[in-house]
Amino acid sequence: MLALGCDHGGYELKQEIKKYLEEKGIEYLDFGCDSTEAVDYPVYAKKVARSILSGECEKGILICGTGIGISITANKFKGIRAALCTDCFCAEATRAHNDANVLALGGRVVGPGLALKIVDTFLNTPFSGAERHMNRISQMETD
């Protein structure tokens, strides 16, 4: 299960991503927001992060205007590795090397065509499992 969340700046892109996921038969839970009316992005980042940490969802996609604030908030949760990606190379690398479990996008930065390719890359790239990457992830998780 995939968790989706956005603020008003990411609402329109989230709608495009939902259509894409439905076409691909990928199940998701939409944690909001539900319009372009101004809201606070931390509310939705927290909902998505908690759904992943609880095991309700495996991965997440968060979208705000730039992707920055929403990814910063998600990364406050131990066990969340949110990566702001603006291209497919970054999406592939963060999955293969960092085992990122949240993709962050900027709804005002990346257009829908590129965003859908980034989503596809993120969802279809496995973690390499290489020892050096596992070691680095372990270091990330330590206080």
C-alpha atoms as a PDB file:
ATOM      1  CA  MET A   1       0.000   0.000   0.000  1.00  0.00           C
ATOM      2  CA  LEU A   2       1.242   3.458  -0.917  1.00  0.00           C
ATOM      3  CA  ALA A   3       0.552   6.533   1.236  1.00  0.00           C
ATOM      4  CA  LEU A   4      -0.139   9.868  -0.471  1.00  0.00           C
ATOM      5  CA  GLY A   5      -0.141  13.282   1.118  1.00  0.00           C
ATOM      6  CA  CYS A   6       0.124  16.869   0.011  1.00  0.00           C
ATOM      7  CA  ASP A   7      -0.578  20.451   0.878  1.00  0.00           C
ATOM      8  CA  HIS A   8      -2.406  22.928  -1.350  1.00  0.00           C
ATOM      9  CA  GLY A   9       0.730  23.454  -3.478  1.00  0.00           C
ATOM     10  CA  GLY A  10       0.847  19.762  -4.311  1.00  0.00           C
ATOM     11  CA  TYR A  11      -2.860  19.044  -4.657  1.00  0.00           C
ATOM     12  CA  GLU A  12      -3.062  19.203  -8.453  1.00  0.00           C
ATOM     13  CA  LEU A  13       0.013  17.017  -8.945  1.00  0.00           C
ATOM     14  CA  LYS A  14      -1.346  14.525  -6.406  1.00  0.00           C
ATOM     15  CA  GLN A  15      -4.491  14.226  -8.527  1.00  0.00           C
ATOM     16  CA  GLU A  16      -2.346  13.351 -11.565  1.00  0.00           C
ATOM     17  CA  ILE A  17      -0.412  10.790  -9.535  1.00  0.00           C
ATOM     18  CA  LYS A  18      -3.641   9.212  -8.277  1.00  0.00           C
ATOM     19  CA  LYS A  19      -4.853   8.764 -11.870  1.00  0.00           C
ATOM     20  CA  TYR A  20      -1.530   7.166 -12.779  1.00  0.00           C
ATOM     21  CA  LEU A  21      -1.645   4.795  -9.797  1.00  0.00           C
ATOM     22  CA  GLU A  22      -5.219   3.790 -10.605  1.00  0.00           C
ATOM     23  CA  GLU A  23      -4.242   3.053 -14.235  1.00  0.00           C
ATOM     24  CA  LYS A  24      -1.382   0.863 -12.972  1.00  0.00           C
ATOM     25  CA  GLY A  25      -3.575  -0.887 -10.391  1.00  0.00           C
ATOM     26  CA  ILE A  26      -1.442   0.358  -7.504  1.00  0.00           C
ATOM     27  CA  GLU A  27      -3.344   0.633  -4.238  1.00  0.00           C
ATOM     28  CA  TYR A  28      -2.951   3.790  -2.192  1.00  0.00           C
ATOM     29  CA  LEU A  29      -4.358   5.652   0.766  1.00  0.00           C
ATOM     30  CA  ASP A  30      -4.854   9.384   0.342  1.00  0.00           C
ATOM     31  CA  PHE A  31      -4.168  11.242   3.575  1.00  0.00           C
ATOM     32  CA  GLY A  32      -5.093  14.660   2.132  1.00  0.00           C
ATOM     33  CA  CYS A  33      -5.297  17.489   1.551  1.00  0.00           C
ATOM     34  CA  ASP A  34      -8.414  17.609  -0.573  1.00  0.00           C
ATOM     35  CA  SER A  35      -8.308  20.986  -2.322  1.00  0.00           C
ATOM     36  CA  THR A  36      -6.140  23.948  -3.278  1.00  0.00           C
ATOM     37  CA  GLU A  37      -7.266  25.820  -0.162  1.00  0.00           C
ATOM     38  CA  ALA A  38      -4.241  26.771   1.970  1.00  0.00           C
ATOM     39  CA  VAL A  39      -3.268  24.188   4.602  1.00  0.00           C
ATOM     40  CA  ASP A  40      -0.176  23.362   6.663  1.00  0.00           C
ATOM     41  CA  TYR A  41       2.058  20.729   5.044  1.00  0.00           C
ATOM     42  CA  PRO A  42       3.394  19.244   8.327  1.00  0.00           C
ATOM     43  CA  VAL A  43      -0.066  17.797   9.065  1.00  0.00           C
ATOM     44  CA  TYR A  44       0.043  15.637   5.924  1.00  0.00           C
ATOM     45  CA  ALA A  45       3.717  14.717   6.155  1.00  0.00           C
ATOM     46  CA  LYS A  46       3.097  13.402   9.664  1.00  0.00           C
ATOM     47  CA  LYS A  47       0.091  11.332   8.570  1.00  0.00           C
ATOM     48  CA  VAL A  48       2.057   9.689   5.770  1.00  0.00           C
ATOM     49  CA  ALA A  49       5.111   9.067   7.963  1.00  0.00           C
ATOM     50  CA  ARG A  50       3.007   7.493  10.706  1.00  0.00           C
ATOM     51  CA  SER A  51       1.213   5.241   8.215  1.00  0.00           C
ATOM     52  CA  ILE A  52       4.557   3.876   7.032  1.00  0.00           C
ATOM     53  CA  LEU A  53       5.996   3.444  10.503  1.00  0.00           C
ATOM     54  CA  SER A  54       2.848   1.623  11.655  1.00  0.00           C
ATOM     55  CA  GLY A  55       3.081  -0.788   8.714  1.00  0.00           C
ATOM     56  CA  GLU A  56      -0.223   0.362   7.238  1.00  0.00           C
ATOM     57  CA  CYS A  57       1.669   1.514   4.147  1.00  0.00           C
ATOM     58  CA  GLU A  58       4.980   0.407   2.671  1.00  0.00           C
ATOM     59  CA  LYS A  59       6.066   3.631   0.947  1.00  0.00           C
ATOM     60  CA  GLY A  60       4.792   7.164   0.527  1.00  0.00           C
ATOM     61  CA  ILE A  61       4.665  10.111  -1.810  1.00  0.00           C
ATOM     62  CA  LEU A  62       4.515  13.632  -0.397  1.00  0.00           C
ATOM     63  CA  ILE A  63       3.992  16.794  -2.418  1.00  0.00           C
ATOM     64  CA  CYS A  64       4.110  20.442  -1.477  1.00  0.00           C
ATOM     65  CA  GLY A  65       4.995  23.502  -3.540  1.00  0.00           C
ATOM     66  CA  THR A  66       8.725  22.768  -3.567  1.00  0.00           C
ATOM     67  CA  GLY A  67       8.859  19.381  -1.828  1.00  0.00           C
ATOM     68  CA  ILE A  68      11.294  20.836   0.692  1.00  0.00           C
ATOM     69  CA  GLY A  69       9.144  21.547   3.736  1.00  0.00           C
ATOM     70  CA  ILE A  70       7.146  18.348   3.478  1.00  0.00           C
ATOM     71  CA  SER A  71      10.310  16.233   3.166  1.00  0.00           C
ATOM     72  CA  ILE A  72      11.979  17.988   6.114  1.00  0.00           C
ATOM     73  CA  THR A  73       8.930  17.216   8.255  1.00  0.00           C
ATOM     74  CA  ALA A  74       8.779  13.558   7.206  1.00  0.00           C
ATOM     75  CA  ASN A  75      12.481  13.095   7.908  1.00  0.00           C
ATOM     76  CA  LYS A  76      11.933  14.084  11.547  1.00  0.00           C
ATOM     77  CA  PHE A  77      10.520  10.567  12.065  1.00  0.00           C
ATOM     78  CA  LYS A  78      13.076   7.861  12.831  1.00  0.00           C
ATOM     79  CA  GLY A  79      12.751   5.211  10.146  1.00  0.00           C
ATOM     80  CA  ILE A  80      11.541   7.576   7.446  1.00  0.00           C
ATOM     81  CA  ARG A  81      13.927   8.277   4.608  1.00  0.00           C
ATOM     82  CA  ALA A  82      12.211  10.914   2.491  1.00  0.00           C
ATOM     83  CA  ALA A  83      14.023  12.002  -0.654  1.00  0.00           C
ATOM     84  CA  LEU A  84      13.175  15.097  -2.652  1.00  0.00           C
ATOM     85  CA  CYS A  85      13.652  14.111  -6.280  1.00  0.00           C
ATOM     86  CA  THR A  86      13.573  16.337  -9.335  1.00  0.00           C
ATOM     87  CA  ASP A  87      14.690  13.735 -11.874  1.00  0.00           C
ATOM     88  CA  CYS A  88      14.662   9.986 -12.506  1.00  0.00           C
ATOM     89  CA  PHE A  89      18.363   9.547 -11.738  1.00  0.00           C
ATOM     90  CA  CYS A  90      17.828  10.809  -8.177  1.00  0.00           C
ATOM     91  CA  ALA A  91      14.731   8.617  -7.744  1.00  0.00           C
ATOM     92  CA  GLU A  92      16.630   5.542  -8.897  1.00  0.00           C
ATOM     93  CA  ALA A  93      19.697   6.304  -6.766  1.00  0.00           C
ATOM     94  CA  THR A  94      17.750   7.024  -3.599  1.00  0.00           C
ATOM     95  CA  ARG A  95      15.879   3.733  -3.843  1.00  0.00           C
ATOM     96  CA  ALA A  96      18.941   1.656  -4.794  1.00  0.00           C
ATOM     97  CA  HIS A  97      21.370   3.267  -2.334  1.00  0.00           C
ATOM     98  CA  ASN A  98      19.283   4.784   0.485  1.00  0.00           C
ATOM     99  CA  ASP A  99      16.241   2.491   0.455  1.00  0.00           C
ATOM    100  CA  ALA A 100      14.168   5.690   0.590  1.00  0.00           C
ATOM    101  CA  ASN A 101      10.611   4.955   1.653  1.00  0.00           C
ATOM    102  CA  VAL A 102       9.120   8.362   0.834  1.00  0.00           C
ATOM    103  CA  LEU A 103       9.341  10.274  -2.428  1.00  0.00           C
ATOM    104  CA  ALA A 104       8.939  14.028  -2.086  1.00  0.00           C
ATOM    105  CA  LEU A 105       8.001  16.156  -5.078  1.00  0.00           C
ATOM    106  CA  GLY A 106       7.525  19.854  -5.679  1.00  0.00           C
ATOM    107  CA  GLY A 107       4.176  20.491  -7.319  1.00  0.00           C
ATOM    108  CA  ARG A 108       5.375  23.915  -8.454  1.00  0.00           C
ATOM    109  CA  VAL A 109       8.783  22.617  -9.547  1.00  0.00           C
ATOM    110  CA  VAL A 110       8.202  19.415 -11.523  1.00  0.00           C
ATOM    111  CA  GLY A 111       5.550  19.135 -14.196  1.00  0.00           C
ATOM    112  CA  PRO A 112       3.192  16.163 -14.319  1.00  0.00           C
ATOM    113  CA  GLY A 113       4.943  14.389 -17.209  1.00  0.00           C
ATOM    114  CA  LEU A 114       8.296  14.270 -15.462  1.00  0.00           C
ATOM    115  CA  ALA A 115       6.706  13.686 -12.055  1.00  0.00           C
ATOM    116  CA  LEU A 116       4.986  10.515 -13.274  1.00  0.00           C
ATOM    117  CA  LYS A 117       8.284   9.205 -14.655  1.00  0.00           C
ATOM    118  CA  ILE A 118       9.937   9.946 -11.297  1.00  0.00           C
ATOM    119  CA  VAL A 119       7.119   8.141  -9.475  1.00  0.00           C
ATOM    120  CA  ASP A 120       7.458   5.146 -11.795  1.00  0.00           C
ATOM    121  CA  THR A 121      11.220   5.025 -11.253  1.00  0.00           C
ATOM    122  CA  PHE A 122      10.854   5.335  -7.484  1.00  0.00           C
ATOM    123  CA  LEU A 123       8.232   2.600  -7.255  1.00  0.00           C
ATOM    124  CA  ASN A 124      10.019   0.173  -9.571  1.00  0.00           C
ATOM    125  CA  THR A 125      13.609   0.485  -8.369  1.00  0.00           C
ATOM    126  CA  PRO A 126      14.532  -2.015  -5.676  1.00  0.00           C
ATOM    127  CA  PHE A 127      16.996  -1.403  -2.877  1.00  0.00           C
ATOM    128  CA  SER A 128      20.336  -2.913  -3.875  1.00  0.00           C
ATOM    129  CA  GLY A 129      20.900  -4.526  -0.496  1.00  0.00           C
ATOM    130  CA  ALA A 130      24.626  -3.934  -0.876  1.00  0.00           C
ATOM    131  CA  GLU A 131      26.454  -4.118   2.427  1.00  0.00           C
ATOM    132  CA  ARG A 132      27.945  -0.640   2.064  1.00  0.00           C
ATOM    133  CA  HIS A 133      24.477   0.852   1.591  1.00  0.00           C
ATOM    134  CA  MET A 134      23.006  -1.137   4.466  1.00  0.00           C
ATOM    135  CA  ASN A 135      25.848   0.124   6.668  1.00  0.00           C
ATOM    136  CA  ARG A 136      25.158   3.734   5.696  1.00  0.00           C
ATOM    137  CA  ILE A 137      21.437   3.392   6.330  1.00  0.00           C
ATOM    138  CA  SER A 138      22.224   1.926   9.733  1.00  0.00           C
ATOM    139  CA  GLN A 139      24.376   4.965  10.477  1.00  0.00           C
ATOM    140  CA  MET A 140      21.499   7.260   9.491  1.00  0.00           C
ATOM    141  CA  GLU A 141      19.232   5.563  12.008  1.00  0.00           C
ATOM    142  CA  THR A 142      21.603   5.881  14.948  1.00  0.00           C
ATOM    143  CA  ASP A 143      21.401   8.816  17.324  1.00  0.00           C
END
